[in-house]
Amino acid sequence: MAPILDDAPARRGGLTIADKVVERTAGQVLKDLPGVGGTSSGLFGIGASSSLDTRPSVDVTLSGRSCTLAVQLGLAYPTPIVEATEHVRSTLSHEVERLTGVTVRQVDISVRWLAPESSGANRGRNRLQ
């Protein structure tokens, strides 16, 4: 029996990126930035702790091949907050687009806490007396 030939062009499959993939990718990009941290969740919010070693929280709203990111993070103190958040925004947009192929339309950043430097010449200098 002769093979049946199909004259129709071959169709390529599609690629779907889940919002969790974008969320975890963004979280890892943020975790790798120096001076940026997050809050670990405790049981029902009890025992939650903030640390520069914790991955910041990212919520993703994915629409087709573009997304909006809402980030909750903490910063090392002293840090110029406006400059730090602009750096976070541009780095996060670039890296998420590069790693996932999803266009980042908007990044909303909420700075939830500041962590004072715990070592060096500034130790204790910023305390109120």
C-alpha atoms as a PDB file:
ATOM      1  CA  MET A   1       0.000   0.000   0.000  1.00  0.00           C
ATOM      2  CA  ALA A   2       1.403   3.392  -0.973  1.00  0.00           C
ATOM      3  CA  PRO A   3       1.831   6.069   1.723  1.00  0.00           C
ATOM      4  CA  ILE A   4      -0.731   8.833   1.801  1.00  0.00           C
ATOM      5  CA  LEU A   5       0.881  12.177   1.080  1.00  0.00           C
ATOM      6  CA  ASP A   6      -0.534  15.343   2.532  1.00  0.00           C
ATOM      7  CA  ASP A   7       0.037  18.442   0.422  1.00  0.00           C
ATOM      8  CA  ALA A   8      -0.801  20.739   3.352  1.00  0.00           C
ATOM      9  CA  PRO A   9       2.197  22.565   4.838  1.00  0.00           C
ATOM     10  CA  ALA A  10       3.466  21.301   8.167  1.00  0.00           C
ATOM     11  CA  ARG A  11       2.045  23.217  11.107  1.00  0.00           C
ATOM     12  CA  ARG A  12       4.165  24.265  13.995  1.00  0.00           C
ATOM     13  CA  GLY A  13       3.039  23.808  17.545  1.00  0.00           C
ATOM     14  CA  GLY A  14       2.425  26.691  19.908  1.00  0.00           C
ATOM     15  CA  LEU A  15       4.155  27.627  23.127  1.00  0.00           C
ATOM     16  CA  THR A  16       2.248  28.629  26.199  1.00  0.00           C
ATOM     17  CA  ILE A  17       4.050  30.153  29.165  1.00  0.00           C
ATOM     18  CA  ALA A  18       2.183  29.759  32.457  1.00  0.00           C
ATOM     19  CA  ASP A  19       1.947  32.733  34.809  1.00  0.00           C
ATOM     20  CA  LYS A  20       3.731  30.650  37.494  1.00  0.00           C
ATOM     21  CA  VAL A  21       6.756  30.351  35.196  1.00  0.00           C
ATOM     22  CA  VAL A  22       6.920  34.123  34.774  1.00  0.00           C
ATOM     23  CA  GLU A  23       6.343  34.598  38.526  1.00  0.00           C
ATOM     24  CA  ARG A  24       9.172  32.260  39.544  1.00  0.00           C
ATOM     25  CA  THR A  25      11.506  33.671  36.914  1.00  0.00           C
ATOM     26  CA  ALA A  26      10.856  37.222  38.126  1.00  0.00           C
ATOM     27  CA  GLY A  27      11.307  36.139  41.751  1.00  0.00           C
ATOM     28  CA  GLN A  28      14.670  34.575  40.995  1.00  0.00           C
ATOM     29  CA  VAL A  29      15.835  37.643  39.055  1.00  0.00           C
ATOM     30  CA  LEU A  30      14.911  39.787  42.083  1.00  0.00           C
ATOM     31  CA  LYS A  31      16.609  37.423  44.546  1.00  0.00           C
ATOM     32  CA  ASP A  32      19.850  37.729  42.586  1.00  0.00           C
ATOM     33  CA  LEU A  33      19.871  41.549  42.873  1.00  0.00           C
ATOM     34  CA  PRO A  34      22.083  42.824  45.702  1.00  0.00           C
ATOM     35  CA  GLY A  35      20.282  44.789  48.414  1.00  0.00           C
ATOM     36  CA  VAL A  36      16.834  43.404  47.504  1.00  0.00           C
ATOM     37  CA  GLY A  37      14.885  40.977  49.692  1.00  0.00           C
ATOM     38  CA  GLY A  38      11.479  39.679  50.586  1.00  0.00           C
ATOM     39  CA  THR A  39       9.306  38.432  53.406  1.00  0.00           C
ATOM     40  CA  SER A  40       8.937  34.767  54.265  1.00  0.00           C
ATOM     41  CA  SER A  41       5.436  33.794  55.224  1.00  0.00           C
ATOM     42  CA  GLY A  42       4.714  32.295  58.589  1.00  0.00           C
ATOM     43  CA  LEU A  43       1.730  30.206  59.562  1.00  0.00           C
ATOM     44  CA  PHE A  44      -1.319  32.458  58.995  1.00  0.00           C
ATOM     45  CA  GLY A  45       1.051  35.435  58.897  1.00  0.00           C
ATOM     46  CA  ILE A  46       2.444  34.649  62.346  1.00  0.00           C
ATOM     47  CA  GLY A  47       6.203  34.352  62.389  1.00  0.00           C
ATOM     48  CA  ALA A  48       6.742  36.063  59.047  1.00  0.00           C
ATOM     49  CA  SER A  49      10.225  37.505  58.718  1.00  0.00           C
ATOM     50  CA  SER A  50      11.841  39.967  56.342  1.00  0.00           C
ATOM     51  CA  SER A  51      15.302  39.282  54.982  1.00  0.00           C
ATOM     52  CA  LEU A  52      17.599  40.258  52.147  1.00  0.00           C
ATOM     53  CA  ASP A  53      18.101  36.490  51.656  1.00  0.00           C
ATOM     54  CA  THR A  54      14.401  35.859  50.934  1.00  0.00           C
ATOM     55  CA  ARG A  55      12.868  35.998  47.459  1.00  0.00           C
ATOM     56  CA  PRO A  56      10.559  39.023  46.969  1.00  0.00           C
ATOM     57  CA  SER A  57       6.863  38.450  46.238  1.00  0.00           C
ATOM     58  CA  VAL A  58       5.733  38.789  42.610  1.00  0.00           C
ATOM     59  CA  ASP A  59       2.181  38.661  41.265  1.00  0.00           C
ATOM     60  CA  VAL A  60       1.812  38.248  37.510  1.00  0.00           C
ATOM     61  CA  THR A  61      -1.100  39.240  35.296  1.00  0.00           C
ATOM     62  CA  LEU A  62      -0.490  37.490  31.998  1.00  0.00           C
ATOM     63  CA  SER A  63      -2.358  38.482  28.830  1.00  0.00           C
ATOM     64  CA  GLY A  64      -1.213  36.576  25.766  1.00  0.00           C
ATOM     65  CA  ARG A  65       2.501  37.239  25.282  1.00  0.00           C
ATOM     66  CA  SER A  66       2.674  40.253  27.619  1.00  0.00           C
ATOM     67  CA  CYS A  67       2.359  40.723  31.355  1.00  0.00           C
ATOM     68  CA  THR A  68       2.153  43.140  34.251  1.00  0.00           C
ATOM     69  CA  LEU A  69       4.211  42.479  37.390  1.00  0.00           C
ATOM     70  CA  ALA A  70       3.317  43.596  40.926  1.00  0.00           C
ATOM     71  CA  VAL A  71       6.336  43.285  43.227  1.00  0.00           C
ATOM     72  CA  GLN A  72       6.570  43.532  47.020  1.00  0.00           C
ATOM     73  CA  LEU A  73      10.123  43.803  48.269  1.00  0.00           C
ATOM     74  CA  GLY A  74      12.464  45.208  50.867  1.00  0.00           C
ATOM     75  CA  LEU A  75      15.656  47.160  50.350  1.00  0.00           C
ATOM     76  CA  ALA A  76      18.943  47.483  52.179  1.00  0.00           C
ATOM     77  CA  TYR A  77      19.240  50.763  54.091  1.00  0.00           C
ATOM     78  CA  PRO A  78      20.650  53.280  53.280  1.00  0.00           C
ATOM     79  CA  THR A  79      19.675  53.047  49.621  1.00  0.00           C
ATOM     80  CA  PRO A  80      18.276  55.812  47.412  1.00  0.00           C
ATOM     81  CA  ILE A  81      14.792  54.311  46.985  1.00  0.00           C
ATOM     82  CA  VAL A  82      13.907  55.970  43.660  1.00  0.00           C
ATOM     83  CA  GLU A  83      17.191  54.900  42.045  1.00  0.00           C
ATOM     84  CA  ALA A  84      16.949  51.397  43.505  1.00  0.00           C
ATOM     85  CA  THR A  85      13.380  50.840  42.298  1.00  0.00           C
ATOM     86  CA  GLU A  86      14.210  52.140  38.805  1.00  0.00           C
ATOM     87  CA  HIS A  87      17.145  49.714  38.663  1.00  0.00           C
ATOM     88  CA  VAL A  88      14.896  46.872  39.849  1.00  0.00           C
ATOM     89  CA  ARG A  89      12.221  47.794  37.303  1.00  0.00           C
ATOM     90  CA  SER A  90      14.591  47.949  34.317  1.00  0.00           C
ATOM     91  CA  THR A  91      16.548  44.816  35.272  1.00  0.00           C
ATOM     92  CA  LEU A  92      13.380  42.841  35.964  1.00  0.00           C
ATOM     93  CA  SER A  93      11.743  43.887  32.671  1.00  0.00           C
ATOM     94  CA  HIS A  94      14.820  43.077  30.613  1.00  0.00           C
ATOM     95  CA  GLU A  95      15.579  39.723  32.245  1.00  0.00           C
ATOM     96  CA  VAL A  96      11.992  38.427  32.300  1.00  0.00           C
ATOM     97  CA  GLU A  97      11.610  39.283  28.616  1.00  0.00           C
ATOM     98  CA  ARG A  98      14.965  37.673  27.792  1.00  0.00           C
ATOM     99  CA  LEU A  99      14.335  34.482  29.775  1.00  0.00           C
ATOM    100  CA  THR A 100      10.643  33.888  28.999  1.00  0.00           C
ATOM    101  CA  GLY A 101       9.927  35.740  25.752  1.00  0.00           C
ATOM    102  CA  VAL A 102       6.996  37.472  27.487  1.00  0.00           C
ATOM    103  CA  THR A 103       6.874  41.263  27.091  1.00  0.00           C
ATOM    104  CA  VAL A 104       6.707  43.124  30.395  1.00  0.00           C
ATOM    105  CA  ARG A 105       4.316  46.066  29.984  1.00  0.00           C
ATOM    106  CA  GLN A 106       4.393  47.383  33.531  1.00  0.00           C
ATOM    107  CA  VAL A 107       6.182  46.759  36.826  1.00  0.00           C
ATOM    108  CA  ASP A 108       4.507  48.068  39.998  1.00  0.00           C
ATOM    109  CA  ILE A 109       6.860  48.054  42.995  1.00  0.00           C
ATOM    110  CA  SER A 110       5.842  48.288  46.634  1.00  0.00           C
ATOM    111  CA  VAL A 111       8.751  48.764  49.051  1.00  0.00           C
ATOM    112  CA  ARG A 112       7.502  47.116  52.270  1.00  0.00           C
ATOM    113  CA  TRP A 113      10.552  47.482  54.524  1.00  0.00           C
ATOM    114  CA  LEU A 114      14.126  48.711  54.785  1.00  0.00           C
ATOM    115  CA  ALA A 115      16.880  46.635  56.406  1.00  0.00           C
ATOM    116  CA  PRO A 116      19.650  48.691  58.033  1.00  0.00           C
ATOM    117  CA  GLU A 117      23.223  47.632  57.437  1.00  0.00           C
ATOM    118  CA  SER A 118      24.251  45.360  60.283  1.00  0.00           C
ATOM    119  CA  SER A 119      28.001  45.583  59.918  1.00  0.00           C
ATOM    120  CA  GLY A 120      30.763  48.042  59.218  1.00  0.00           C
ATOM    121  CA  ALA A 121      31.341  51.638  60.276  1.00  0.00           C
ATOM    122  CA  ASN A 122      27.627  52.562  60.169  1.00  0.00           C
ATOM    123  CA  ARG A 123      26.590  50.038  62.829  1.00  0.00           C
ATOM    124  CA  GLY A 124      24.461  51.795  65.422  1.00  0.00           C
ATOM    125  CA  ARG A 125      24.902  55.195  63.823  1.00  0.00           C
ATOM    126  CA  ASN A 126      21.296  55.544  62.625  1.00  0.00           C
ATOM    127  CA  ARG A 127      19.607  54.694  65.917  1.00  0.00           C
ATOM    128  CA  LEU A 128      17.352  57.161  67.669  1.00  0.00           C
ATOM    129  CA  GLN A 129      18.416  57.860  71.229  1.00  0.00           C
END
